[in-house]
Amino acid sequence: MRNSRIPLFLAVSAVTTLVPALTPATASAAENPLRPYLQQKPAWHRCDTELPASLQCATIKVPLDYGRPGAKKLDLAISRIKTSVKKERRGVLLLNPGGPGGPGVDMPQYMAGELPKSVKDKYDLVGFDPRGIGRSSPVGCGLTSEERNWERPYKAETFTKDVKWARTVAEKCDKKQGDKLRHITTRNTARDMDVIRAVLGEKKVSYLGYSYGTYLGAVYTQMFPKRTDRFVLDSAVDPARIWRGMIQVWAEGAEPAFTRWTEWTAARHATYKLGRTPEAVRKTFYDLVAQADRKPIDLDGTLLTGDDIRHGLRGVFFDARAAAEAIAELKKAATGARPSVDRELKTPEPVPPSFGRTVPEDNGDAGFWAVVCADTRAWPRDPEQYRKDAIRDKARYPLYGDFASHIKPCAFWKKSGSEPATRIGNKVGALILQNEWDSQTPLTSGQGLRRVMTGSRMVTVAGGVGHGIYGTKSCADKTATAYLTTGKLPAKDMTCQAAGERNTPNRLPLPTPPGVPGMVSRF
C-alpha cells in the first residue's frame, strides 16, 4: 500500500494470538515464555551527535517466531523523545509511518516538529523500525534495480517476461532469507509493539499510524484490545482488501480522480489549453499516451512511454492543479517545445537517511513483499488468473487497472505466511482520519476500516487532497488533538471542509511507490 521539477509525477483472521497474551512480567518463565523479552531494560543512548540529545535510541530483542520464543531472535530498534512536562504525562505515543517497509525510528524527531505542544506534553513520542526494516534485523533479497521495478503494465507480448520477473523476485528472496520471511508479518509486528509497551513499563499504549500503519494499528486493537489506549489511524487501509485488493484500489480510486481533473481542467482551458470540455481534456491526455507509446516523449532528458505516463501520473490526478500543470508541460514536450523558463526545476530537500543505518539497498522492497505476500494466503497461484484480471481491469480502469492486477511476486512466494490474515471486527475506540482525495488509500478504503471498527469514529476531510493528514494543518487536526489529549471521541462521524488547495509538498515522512525517476510528488 516520492518529489518535481514541476509538482507532477508520483516518485508508493484469528482474533487470539498463537502464544499467551503479553502478560505483566510477574509470571514465571514456565507460565509465560515471553517473560525474558518483557523484562528487558533498554540501554538508551543519544541516537546521533548531529541530532538533539533528547532523541534517544535503544535496541531490544523480540522472537523471530512467537510460537517458539526460545529460538531465533531479532533486533528491534526503538527511539523516543520524552515529554518534558512530567505532571502532564499520560504515557507513550507509538508512531508508524506506513509502508509496508517504512522505517520508523526517525519518527519522533519528525513528528516533534509537526505535533502540537499539548500532545507532546502528554506523551513520550516513541518510534521503531518494524521487524525486517532499517535497523531491526533488516531483510534484503539482492534485487537489481530492474527487479525492484514492480509497477508493470500488462501486455500480451511481455507477459511471459513479467511472469519470469515475479518468479525471480520470489526465488531470490527465498534464497536470501528463507524461513525468516514467513515471520515478517503484520501480526508479528503488532506483537512486537506489545513487547515495546511492556519494556517501557506501560499498561496501555497510544498510537499514531499512517497508511499501512492504520492496518498495523487495527491488528493491534484486534489482538490486544485491553492494551489499546488512544489510537489515531490516518489515511486508512481497508482490512477486507489485504493485500492484492489494496493495490487494485489504486486503480479504482484513480478513475473518479481523473474524471474530476478533466472537469476542473476544462473549466480552465484559457490557462492550460488542454480542452474546453471534459471529453476534450480526456482525449488530450490519451492522445499523449498514444504518442508516447509510438515514440517516447523527451521531458527534460527523461524519455517517457505511454505506460510511464499512466502509472507516473496516477497519483497526481488527485491534485487537479498539479495534474493540469504536468499535462500542460508534457504537451509542450510532445511538440518539441522547450520547458517553461519560470518552471520550478529544483527538487525539494530529500528526507535524510536514518542515523547510523546500514541496510540492504532493496530493504524497503524486500520488507514490502515480505508483509504483502506473507500476511495473507489469498494471492492467486495461477499466472493465467493475473492475465485475465489485468485485461479485465485495463478495460474497467484504463489509467492503472492493468498495473494493479498484473502478476506480482506473491504468486510464487515460497514461504506462505505463518498465520492466516487477521480478521478485524471490534468495538475498540479509535479515530480514523481520511482525505476525500487520497491517492494511496482512497476514501472507500477508509470507509472499509470504519465499517469493521464499530467503536471508532471517522473524520472525512471533504475536498482534502493527498496522503497523510494529522500534522499538515488540516481541518481534522483539531479533532485528533482533542482526542489524544482528552480521550474523547466525537459523538458521531464527522466531515470537515478542506481550507483550500495544498500548495506545498506533504512533509510527513510517508513512504509511497516510486514513479518516473527524478520526479517529485506533492503527496
Protein backbone atom coordinates (compact mmCIF):
# COMPACT_ATOMS: atom_id res chain seq x y z
CA MET A 1 0.00 0.00 0.00
CA ARG A 2 8.17 10.35 -3.95
CA ASN A 3 9.12 14.84 -5.45
CA SER A 4 9.20 17.82 -9.31
CA ARG A 5 10.91 19.92 -11.19
CA ILE A 6 7.24 20.59 -11.52
CA PRO A 7 4.89 19.15 -8.92
CA LEU A 8 3.98 16.17 -11.04
CA PHE A 9 4.87 12.52 -11.35
CA LEU A 10 4.48 10.40 -8.25
CA ALA A 11 8.00 9.21 -7.16
CA VAL A 12 4.44 4.41 -3.47
CA SER A 13 -8.28 -13.92 10.88
CA ALA A 14 -7.63 -15.17 14.08
CA VAL A 15 -8.62 -12.95 16.98
CA THR A 16 -6.33 -14.62 19.50
CA THR A 17 -2.57 -14.88 19.34
CA LEU A 18 -0.56 -18.04 18.80
CA VAL A 19 1.08 -17.56 22.19
CA PRO A 20 -0.26 -16.26 25.51
CA ALA A 21 -1.01 -12.55 25.61
CA LEU A 22 1.93 -10.47 26.76
CA THR A 23 1.12 -10.53 30.45
CA PRO A 24 2.84 -8.46 33.12
CA ALA A 25 6.31 -9.71 33.89
CA THR A 26 5.32 -11.25 37.23
CA ALA A 27 4.67 -14.75 35.95
CA SER A 28 7.42 -17.33 35.83
CA ALA A 29 9.11 -18.23 32.56
CA ALA A 30 7.23 -21.53 32.60
CA GLU A 31 3.92 -19.67 32.78
CA ASN A 32 4.92 -17.07 30.23
CA PRO A 33 7.78 -17.90 27.86
CA LEU A 34 7.90 -14.25 26.79
CA ARG A 35 8.98 -13.08 30.23
CA PRO A 36 12.66 -12.55 29.25
CA TYR A 37 11.54 -10.21 26.47
CA LEU A 38 9.12 -8.29 28.67
CA GLN A 39 11.71 -7.67 31.38
CA GLN A 40 14.35 -6.13 29.11
CA LYS A 41 15.92 -2.87 30.24
CA PRO A 42 16.73 -0.76 27.18
CA ALA A 43 20.17 0.85 27.13
CA TRP A 44 19.12 4.30 25.96
CA HIS A 45 21.72 6.46 24.26
CA ARG A 46 21.87 9.52 22.06
CA CYS A 47 20.87 8.50 18.54
CA ASP A 48 23.29 10.76 16.70
CA THR A 49 25.57 13.63 17.66
CA GLU A 50 24.09 15.73 14.86
CA LEU A 51 20.58 15.33 16.27
CA PRO A 52 19.14 16.67 19.53
CA ALA A 53 20.22 14.86 22.68
CA SER A 54 16.53 14.44 23.52
CA LEU A 55 16.22 11.85 20.74
CA GLN A 56 17.31 8.58 22.35
CA CYS A 57 17.77 5.16 20.79
CA ALA A 58 17.98 1.59 22.05
CA THR A 59 17.82 -1.94 20.71
CA ILE A 60 15.73 -4.70 22.24
CA LYS A 61 15.18 -8.35 21.32
CA VAL A 62 12.00 -9.99 20.04
CA PRO A 63 11.39 -13.59 18.96
CA LEU A 64 11.50 -14.32 15.24
CA ASP A 65 8.68 -16.83 15.80
CA TYR A 66 6.34 -16.06 18.69
CA GLY A 67 5.29 -19.71 18.61
CA ARG A 68 8.90 -20.61 19.52
CA PRO A 69 10.10 -17.69 21.65
CA GLY A 70 13.15 -19.58 22.86
CA ALA A 71 14.54 -19.99 19.35
CA LYS A 72 15.89 -17.31 16.98
CA LYS A 73 15.74 -13.66 17.97
CA LEU A 74 15.56 -10.38 16.07
CA ASP A 75 16.93 -6.98 16.96
CA LEU A 76 14.28 -4.26 17.22
CA ALA A 77 15.44 -0.64 17.01
CA ILE A 78 13.38 1.78 19.10
CA SER A 79 13.62 5.50 19.79
CA ARG A 80 11.95 8.12 21.94
CA ILE A 81 11.65 11.77 22.84
CA LYS A 82 10.35 12.02 26.39
CA THR A 83 7.86 14.67 27.39
CA SER A 84 9.40 17.47 29.40
CA VAL A 85 6.18 18.04 31.36
CA LYS A 86 6.09 15.14 33.79
CA LYS A 87 2.94 16.24 35.58
CA GLU A 88 1.02 16.18 32.27
CA ARG A 89 2.42 12.84 31.05
CA ARG A 90 -0.15 10.19 30.15
CA GLY A 91 2.09 7.57 28.58
CA VAL A 92 3.68 6.81 25.22
CA LEU A 93 2.51 7.62 21.71
CA LEU A 94 3.86 4.93 19.40
CA LEU A 95 4.41 6.10 15.82
CA ASN A 96 4.42 4.31 12.47
CA PRO A 97 4.83 5.94 9.02
CA GLY A 98 3.35 3.17 6.89
CA GLY A 99 4.73 1.08 4.06
CA PRO A 100 4.83 -1.83 4.45
CA GLY A 101 8.57 -1.34 4.51
CA GLY A 102 8.76 2.13 6.05
CA PRO A 103 11.32 2.69 8.83
CA GLY A 104 10.01 4.50 11.88
CA VAL A 105 12.91 5.03 14.26
CA ASP A 106 13.21 8.61 12.95
CA MET A 107 9.53 9.39 13.51
CA PRO A 108 9.79 11.06 16.95
CA GLN A 109 12.21 13.62 15.52
CA TYR A 110 9.99 14.36 12.51
CA MET A 111 6.74 14.46 14.43
CA ALA A 112 8.15 16.63 17.23
CA GLY A 113 8.09 19.45 14.69
CA GLU A 114 4.57 18.70 13.43
CA LEU A 115 2.54 17.77 16.52
CA PRO A 116 1.03 20.41 18.80
CA LYS A 117 2.63 21.13 22.18
CA SER A 118 -0.41 19.82 24.03
CA VAL A 119 0.17 16.35 22.56
CA LYS A 120 3.93 16.42 23.17
CA ASP A 121 3.28 17.40 26.77
CA LYS A 122 1.07 14.31 27.22
CA TYR A 123 3.24 11.66 25.62
CA ASP A 124 6.70 10.33 25.12
CA LEU A 125 6.98 10.04 21.34
CA VAL A 126 8.21 6.53 20.53
CA GLY A 127 9.36 5.24 17.15
CA PHE A 128 10.57 1.87 15.93
CA ASP A 129 11.81 0.20 12.80
CA PRO A 130 9.41 -2.72 12.20
CA ARG A 131 10.96 -6.17 12.10
CA GLY A 132 12.99 -6.70 8.94
CA ILE A 133 13.24 -2.96 8.25
CA GLY A 134 16.02 -0.43 8.77
CA ARG A 135 17.97 -1.18 11.92
CA SER A 136 15.66 -4.01 13.01
CA SER A 137 17.40 -7.10 11.57
CA PRO A 138 16.91 -5.81 8.01
CA VAL A 139 15.99 -8.19 5.21
CA GLY A 140 17.23 -7.97 1.64
CA CYS A 141 16.78 -10.11 -1.44
CA GLY A 142 19.67 -8.87 -3.58
CA LEU A 143 17.29 -7.40 -6.16
CA THR A 144 18.60 -5.39 -9.08
CA SER A 145 17.10 -2.00 -9.91
CA GLU A 146 15.12 -3.60 -12.73
CA GLU A 147 13.80 -6.34 -10.41
CA ARG A 148 12.71 -3.69 -7.93
CA ASN A 149 10.52 -2.08 -10.61
CA TRP A 150 7.19 -3.74 -9.88
CA GLU A 151 4.68 -1.35 -11.46
CA ARG A 152 4.41 -3.26 -14.73
CA PRO A 153 1.64 -2.88 -17.33
CA TYR A 154 0.02 -5.93 -18.83
CA LYS A 155 0.97 -6.58 -22.45
CA ALA A 156 0.47 -9.89 -24.22
CA GLU A 157 3.95 -9.73 -25.73
CA THR A 158 5.69 -9.20 -22.36
CA PHE A 159 3.52 -11.43 -20.18
CA THR A 160 5.97 -14.35 -20.16
CA LYS A 161 8.80 -11.98 -19.23
CA ASP A 162 6.75 -10.47 -16.40
CA VAL A 163 5.87 -13.91 -15.04
CA LYS A 164 9.58 -14.74 -15.04
CA TRP A 165 10.29 -11.47 -13.19
CA ALA A 166 7.75 -12.26 -10.47
CA ARG A 167 9.12 -15.78 -10.06
CA THR A 168 12.71 -14.49 -9.92
CA VAL A 169 11.94 -11.98 -7.16
CA ALA A 170 10.22 -14.66 -5.08
CA GLU A 171 13.07 -17.13 -5.61
CA LYS A 172 15.79 -14.60 -4.77
CA CYS A 173 14.00 -13.59 -1.57
CA ASP A 174 13.61 -17.24 -0.56
CA LYS A 175 17.27 -17.97 -1.28
CA LYS A 176 18.47 -14.93 0.68
CA GLN A 177 16.09 -15.03 3.65
CA GLY A 178 14.40 -18.42 3.69
CA ASP A 179 12.07 -19.18 6.59
CA LYS A 180 12.64 -15.75 8.13
CA LEU A 181 10.23 -14.16 5.65
CA ARG A 182 7.21 -16.11 6.90
CA HIS A 183 7.54 -14.24 10.19
CA ILE A 184 7.83 -10.71 8.73
CA THR A 185 4.10 -10.11 9.10
CA THR A 186 1.72 -7.52 10.47
CA ARG A 187 0.57 -9.81 13.28
CA ASN A 188 4.13 -10.32 14.47
CA THR A 189 4.86 -6.60 14.23
CA ALA A 190 1.78 -5.99 16.40
CA ARG A 191 3.23 -8.44 18.92
CA ASP A 192 6.50 -6.52 18.77
CA MET A 193 4.54 -3.36 19.58
CA ASP A 194 3.22 -5.06 22.68
CA VAL A 195 6.73 -6.05 23.73
CA ILE A 196 7.73 -2.37 23.34
CA ARG A 197 4.77 -1.42 25.54
CA ALA A 198 5.83 -3.87 28.25
CA VAL A 199 9.52 -2.92 28.07
CA LEU A 200 8.58 0.74 28.53
CA GLY A 201 6.57 -0.18 31.61
CA GLU A 202 3.18 0.87 30.21
CA LYS A 203 -0.12 -0.88 30.86
CA LYS A 204 -1.57 0.56 27.66
CA VAL A 205 -0.20 2.21 24.54
CA SER A 206 -1.47 5.10 22.43
CA TYR A 207 -0.69 5.16 18.75
CA LEU A 208 -0.50 7.32 15.63
CA GLY A 209 -0.21 5.31 12.42
CA TYR A 210 -0.34 6.44 8.83
CA SER A 211 -1.33 4.44 5.73
CA TYR A 212 -0.19 0.82 6.28
CA GLY A 213 0.25 1.90 9.89
CA THR A 214 -3.54 2.07 10.15
CA TYR A 215 -3.79 -1.63 9.37
CA LEU A 216 -0.99 -2.38 11.83
CA GLY A 217 -2.85 -0.36 14.46
CA ALA A 218 -6.14 -2.11 13.67
CA VAL A 219 -4.48 -5.51 14.01
CA TYR A 220 -3.10 -4.45 17.40
CA THR A 221 -6.58 -3.44 18.57
CA GLN A 222 -7.86 -6.85 17.49
CA MET A 223 -5.10 -8.82 19.18
CA PHE A 224 -4.64 -6.67 22.29
CA PRO A 225 -7.88 -4.72 22.84
CA LYS A 226 -7.26 -4.24 26.57
CA ARG A 227 -3.82 -2.76 25.91
CA THR A 228 -5.19 -0.17 23.48
CA ASP A 229 -5.46 3.41 24.69
CA ARG A 230 -5.93 6.28 22.20
CA PHE A 231 -5.40 5.25 18.57
CA VAL A 232 -5.34 7.66 15.62
CA LEU A 233 -5.46 5.84 12.27
CA ASP A 234 -4.63 8.28 9.50
CA SER A 235 -5.28 7.55 5.78
CA ALA A 236 -6.70 4.12 6.27
CA VAL A 237 -6.22 0.70 4.73
CA ASP A 238 -9.32 -1.48 4.27
CA PRO A 239 -8.65 -4.76 6.16
CA ALA A 240 -11.02 -6.61 3.84
CA ARG A 241 -8.69 -5.88 0.91
CA ILE A 242 -5.40 -7.14 2.30
CA TRP A 243 -3.27 -7.13 0.20
CA ARG A 244 -3.94 -7.54 -3.50
CA GLY A 245 -7.12 -5.54 -3.18
CA MET A 246 -5.25 -2.58 -1.68
CA ILE A 247 -3.08 -2.39 -4.81
CA GLN A 248 -6.13 -2.76 -7.02
CA VAL A 249 -7.94 0.03 -5.15
CA TRP A 250 -5.36 2.45 -6.54
CA ALA A 251 -6.84 1.80 -9.98
CA GLU A 252 -10.42 2.08 -8.76
CA GLY A 253 -9.70 5.31 -6.92
CA ALA A 254 -7.80 6.88 -9.80
CA GLU A 255 -10.72 6.90 -12.24
CA PRO A 256 -13.02 9.29 -10.31
CA ALA A 257 -9.98 11.46 -9.56
CA PHE A 258 -9.17 11.55 -13.28
CA THR A 259 -12.78 12.44 -14.15
CA ARG A 260 -12.74 15.23 -11.57
CA TRP A 261 -9.48 16.50 -13.08
CA THR A 262 -10.93 16.62 -16.61
CA GLU A 263 -13.86 18.72 -15.34
CA TRP A 264 -11.62 21.08 -13.38
CA THR A 265 -9.19 21.49 -16.26
CA ALA A 266 -11.87 22.03 -18.90
CA ALA A 267 -13.20 24.93 -16.86
CA ARG A 268 -9.70 26.46 -17.07
CA HIS A 269 -8.98 25.95 -20.74
CA ALA A 270 -7.78 29.54 -21.05
CA THR A 271 -4.95 28.72 -18.63
CA TYR A 272 -3.92 25.19 -19.58
CA LYS A 273 -5.11 24.85 -23.20
CA LEU A 274 -5.96 21.16 -22.72
CA GLY A 275 -9.58 21.15 -23.91
CA ARG A 276 -12.80 23.08 -23.46
CA THR A 277 -14.84 20.09 -22.31
CA PRO A 278 -14.04 17.15 -20.02
CA GLU A 279 -14.20 14.85 -23.04
CA ALA A 280 -11.68 17.01 -24.89
CA VAL A 281 -9.32 17.06 -21.91
CA ARG A 282 -9.53 13.29 -21.61
CA LYS A 283 -8.74 12.95 -25.32
CA THR A 284 -5.73 15.26 -24.96
CA PHE A 285 -4.32 13.03 -22.24
CA TYR A 286 -4.85 9.73 -24.02
CA ASP A 287 -3.55 11.18 -27.29
CA LEU A 288 -0.33 11.98 -25.44
CA VAL A 289 -0.24 8.43 -24.06
CA ALA A 290 -0.69 7.03 -27.58
CA GLN A 291 2.00 9.33 -28.98
CA ALA A 292 4.43 8.28 -26.25
CA ASP A 293 3.69 4.63 -26.98
CA ARG A 294 4.66 5.17 -30.61
CA LYS A 295 7.76 7.19 -29.69
CA PRO A 296 8.77 8.13 -26.12
CA ILE A 297 8.37 11.81 -25.26
CA ASP A 298 11.54 13.57 -24.13
CA LEU A 299 10.63 15.50 -20.99
CA ASP A 300 13.80 17.34 -19.92
CA GLY A 301 16.01 14.36 -20.73
CA THR A 302 13.67 11.67 -19.43
CA LEU A 303 12.11 9.52 -22.16
CA LEU A 304 8.53 8.69 -21.20
CA THR A 305 6.46 5.93 -22.74
CA GLY A 306 2.69 5.92 -22.54
CA ASP A 307 2.91 3.40 -19.71
CA ASP A 308 5.34 5.68 -17.84
CA ILE A 309 2.80 8.48 -18.13
CA ARG A 310 -0.12 6.34 -16.96
CA HIS A 311 1.49 4.98 -13.83
CA GLY A 312 3.63 8.05 -13.11
CA LEU A 313 0.62 10.38 -13.11
CA ARG A 314 -1.82 8.03 -11.43
CA GLY A 315 -1.37 9.63 -8.01
CA VAL A 316 -1.05 13.17 -9.31
CA PHE A 317 -4.58 13.29 -10.74
CA PHE A 318 -5.89 13.55 -7.17
CA ASP A 319 -4.49 17.10 -7.17
CA ALA A 320 -6.22 18.75 -10.11
CA ARG A 321 -3.94 21.77 -10.39
CA ALA A 322 -0.74 19.73 -10.19
CA ALA A 323 -2.02 17.34 -12.84
CA ALA A 324 -3.07 20.17 -15.17
CA GLU A 325 0.38 21.75 -14.86
CA ALA A 326 2.01 18.38 -15.50
CA ILE A 327 -0.01 17.58 -18.63
CA ALA A 328 0.45 21.10 -19.99
CA GLU A 329 4.22 20.67 -19.74
CA LEU A 330 4.03 17.18 -21.21
CA LYS A 331 2.03 18.54 -24.14
CA LYS A 332 4.72 21.14 -24.78
CA ALA A 333 7.41 18.48 -24.64
CA ALA A 334 5.47 16.33 -27.09
CA THR A 335 5.70 19.13 -29.67
CA GLY A 336 9.42 19.57 -29.06
CA ALA A 337 8.96 22.85 -27.18
CA ARG A 338 11.47 23.81 -24.52
CA PRO A 339 10.34 23.76 -20.89
CA SER A 340 8.86 26.89 -19.35
CA VAL A 341 11.65 29.17 -18.13
CA ASP A 342 9.78 30.00 -14.94
CA ARG A 343 9.12 26.39 -14.04
CA GLU A 344 10.46 25.11 -10.74
CA LEU A 345 13.37 22.82 -11.56
CA LYS A 346 14.80 22.35 -8.09
CA THR A 347 13.67 19.25 -6.23
CA PRO A 348 12.65 19.56 -2.59
CA GLU A 349 15.24 18.74 0.03
CA PRO A 350 15.29 14.96 0.37
CA VAL A 351 14.43 13.22 3.59
CA PRO A 352 17.77 12.49 5.30
CA PRO A 353 18.68 8.84 5.85
CA SER A 354 18.34 7.36 9.30
CA PHE A 355 21.32 7.84 11.52
CA GLY A 356 23.88 5.07 11.56
CA ARG A 357 21.83 2.75 9.41
CA THR A 358 23.46 0.28 7.07
CA VAL A 359 20.81 -1.74 5.31
CA PRO A 360 20.48 -3.63 2.02
CA GLU A 361 19.67 -1.32 -0.87
CA ASP A 362 16.47 -3.25 -1.54
CA ASN A 363 15.40 -3.38 2.12
CA GLY A 364 12.19 -1.42 1.54
CA ASP A 365 11.24 -3.65 -1.38
CA ALA A 366 12.07 -6.87 0.46
CA GLY A 367 10.15 -5.71 3.52
CA PHE A 368 7.19 -4.69 1.37
CA TRP A 369 6.93 -8.06 -0.36
CA ALA A 370 7.52 -9.97 2.88
CA VAL A 371 4.47 -8.38 4.52
CA VAL A 372 2.26 -8.19 1.45
CA CYS A 373 2.90 -11.82 0.49
CA ALA A 374 3.04 -13.37 3.98
CA ASP A 375 0.14 -11.52 5.64
CA THR A 376 -2.45 -13.45 3.67
CA ARG A 377 -2.77 -16.71 1.79
CA ALA A 378 -5.26 -15.27 -0.69
CA TRP A 379 -2.86 -14.49 -3.58
CA PRO A 380 -3.72 -16.47 -6.75
CA ARG A 381 -1.07 -19.02 -7.72
CA ASP A 382 -2.04 -19.39 -11.37
CA PRO A 383 -0.38 -16.80 -13.66
CA GLU A 384 -3.34 -17.01 -16.01
CA GLN A 385 -5.57 -15.54 -13.31
CA TYR A 386 -3.41 -12.42 -13.30
CA ARG A 387 -3.58 -12.20 -17.08
CA LYS A 388 -7.38 -12.38 -17.06
CA ASP A 389 -7.69 -9.87 -14.24
CA ALA A 390 -5.27 -7.41 -15.85
CA ILE A 391 -7.16 -7.49 -19.16
CA ARG A 392 -10.48 -7.05 -17.34
CA ASP A 393 -9.25 -4.19 -15.17
CA LYS A 394 -7.50 -2.35 -18.01
CA ALA A 395 -10.97 -2.07 -19.58
CA ARG A 396 -12.61 -1.05 -16.29
CA TYR A 397 -9.90 1.35 -15.13
CA PRO A 398 -7.89 2.49 -18.17
CA LEU A 399 -5.41 4.62 -16.25
CA TYR A 400 -3.94 1.98 -13.95
CA GLY A 401 -6.09 -1.18 -13.96
CA ASP A 402 -3.60 -3.45 -15.72
CA PHE A 403 -0.74 -2.29 -13.49
CA ALA A 404 -2.75 -3.04 -10.36
CA SER A 405 -3.97 -6.51 -11.30
CA HIS A 406 -0.89 -7.77 -13.17
CA ILE A 407 1.24 -10.55 -11.71
CA LYS A 408 3.22 -9.93 -8.53
CA PRO A 409 5.93 -11.96 -6.74
CA CYS A 410 3.34 -13.19 -4.23
CA ALA A 411 2.14 -15.62 -6.91
CA PHE A 412 5.38 -17.56 -6.36
CA TRP A 413 6.20 -16.74 -2.74
CA LYS A 414 7.87 -19.85 -1.34
CA LYS A 415 7.04 -19.31 2.30
CA SER A 416 3.37 -18.56 2.87
CA GLY A 417 2.54 -16.62 5.99
CA SER A 418 2.93 -18.30 9.36
CA GLU A 419 -0.73 -17.46 10.13
CA PRO A 420 -3.93 -16.57 8.28
CA ALA A 421 -4.75 -12.90 7.77
CA THR A 422 -6.26 -11.12 10.75
CA ARG A 423 -9.99 -10.59 10.61
CA ILE A 424 -10.75 -7.15 12.02
CA GLY A 425 -14.04 -6.68 13.83
CA ASN A 426 -14.14 -4.96 17.22
CA LYS A 427 -15.61 -2.14 19.28
CA VAL A 428 -12.31 -0.63 20.38
CA GLY A 429 -12.36 3.16 20.31
CA ALA A 430 -10.16 4.80 17.68
CA LEU A 431 -10.16 7.88 15.47
CA ILE A 432 -9.90 7.40 11.70
CA LEU A 433 -8.81 10.37 9.55
CA GLN A 434 -9.40 10.34 5.79
CA ASN A 435 -8.93 12.79 2.93
CA GLU A 436 -11.57 12.68 0.22
CA TRP A 437 -8.89 12.68 -2.49
CA ASP A 438 -6.14 10.41 -1.19
CA SER A 439 -4.10 8.72 -3.90
CA GLN A 440 -2.73 5.82 -1.83
CA THR A 441 -5.65 4.97 0.43
CA PRO A 442 -8.75 6.26 -1.39
CA LEU A 443 -11.85 7.28 0.55
CA THR A 444 -13.51 3.90 0.05
CA SER A 445 -10.58 2.31 1.86
CA GLY A 446 -11.02 4.44 4.97
CA GLN A 447 -14.74 3.70 4.93
CA GLY A 448 -13.89 -0.02 4.88
CA LEU A 449 -11.86 0.26 8.08
CA ARG A 450 -14.61 2.29 9.72
CA ARG A 451 -17.18 -0.44 8.98
CA VAL A 452 -15.29 -3.14 10.88
CA MET A 453 -14.09 -0.95 13.78
CA THR A 454 -17.53 -0.21 15.11
CA GLY A 455 -16.30 1.63 18.20
CA SER A 456 -14.31 4.09 16.12
CA ARG A 457 -15.23 7.48 14.70
CA MET A 458 -14.17 8.85 11.33
CA VAL A 459 -13.35 12.38 10.24
CA THR A 460 -13.57 12.88 6.48
CA VAL A 461 -11.86 15.93 5.03
CA ALA A 462 -14.16 16.98 2.17
CA GLY A 463 -12.01 18.25 -0.67
CA GLY A 464 -8.90 17.09 1.19
CA VAL A 465 -6.04 16.21 -1.14
CA GLY A 466 -3.05 13.98 -0.52
CA HIS A 467 -1.86 11.11 1.63
CA GLY A 468 -1.47 11.79 5.34
CA ILE A 469 -3.45 14.31 7.38
CA TYR A 470 -2.51 14.84 11.02
CA GLY A 471 0.34 17.29 11.22
CA THR A 472 -0.47 19.05 7.93
CA LYS A 473 -2.67 21.75 9.49
CA SER A 474 -5.78 20.04 8.18
CA CYS A 475 -9.27 20.81 9.46
CA ALA A 476 -9.13 17.34 11.06
CA ASP A 477 -6.11 18.21 13.22
CA LYS A 478 -8.21 19.87 15.94
CA THR A 479 -10.33 16.75 16.42
CA ALA A 480 -7.28 14.48 16.53
CA THR A 481 -5.54 16.70 19.06
CA ALA A 482 -8.64 16.83 21.26
CA TYR A 483 -8.89 13.04 21.19
CA LEU A 484 -5.23 12.47 22.04
CA THR A 485 -5.29 14.97 24.90
CA THR A 486 -8.71 14.23 26.40
CA GLY A 487 -9.59 10.74 25.19
CA LYS A 488 -12.98 11.91 23.95
CA LEU A 489 -14.07 10.71 20.54
CA PRO A 490 -16.61 12.72 18.53
CA ALA A 491 -20.19 11.68 19.24
CA LYS A 492 -20.56 10.61 15.62
CA ASP A 493 -18.63 10.53 12.35
CA MET A 494 -17.74 13.99 11.09
CA THR A 495 -16.98 15.78 7.84
CA CYS A 496 -14.95 18.98 7.74
CA GLN A 497 -14.11 21.11 4.73
CA ALA A 498 -10.56 21.44 3.47
CA ALA A 499 -9.40 25.05 3.71
CA GLY A 500 -8.02 25.12 0.17
CA GLU A 501 -5.60 23.52 -2.20
CA ARG A 502 -2.35 22.18 -0.82
CA ASN A 503 0.40 24.42 -2.14
CA THR A 504 3.41 22.72 -0.61
CA PRO A 505 4.54 19.10 -0.53
CA ASN A 506 3.34 16.99 2.39
CA ARG A 507 6.26 16.95 4.82
CA LEU A 508 5.15 13.82 6.63
CA PRO A 509 7.76 11.08 6.04
CA LEU A 510 5.35 8.58 4.49
CA PRO A 511 6.66 6.01 2.01
CA THR A 512 4.91 6.00 -1.37
CA PRO A 513 5.51 3.96 -4.54
CA PRO A 514 8.17 5.28 -6.92
CA GLY A 515 7.07 6.87 -10.16
CA VAL A 516 9.10 8.31 -13.00
CA PRO A 517 12.76 8.58 -11.86
CA GLY A 518 13.74 12.04 -10.70
CA MET A 519 10.22 13.39 -10.46
CA VAL A 520 8.65 14.83 -7.34
CA SER A 521 5.16 14.42 -5.90
CA ARG A 522 3.36 16.84 -3.63
CA PHE A 523 1.82 13.87 -1.83
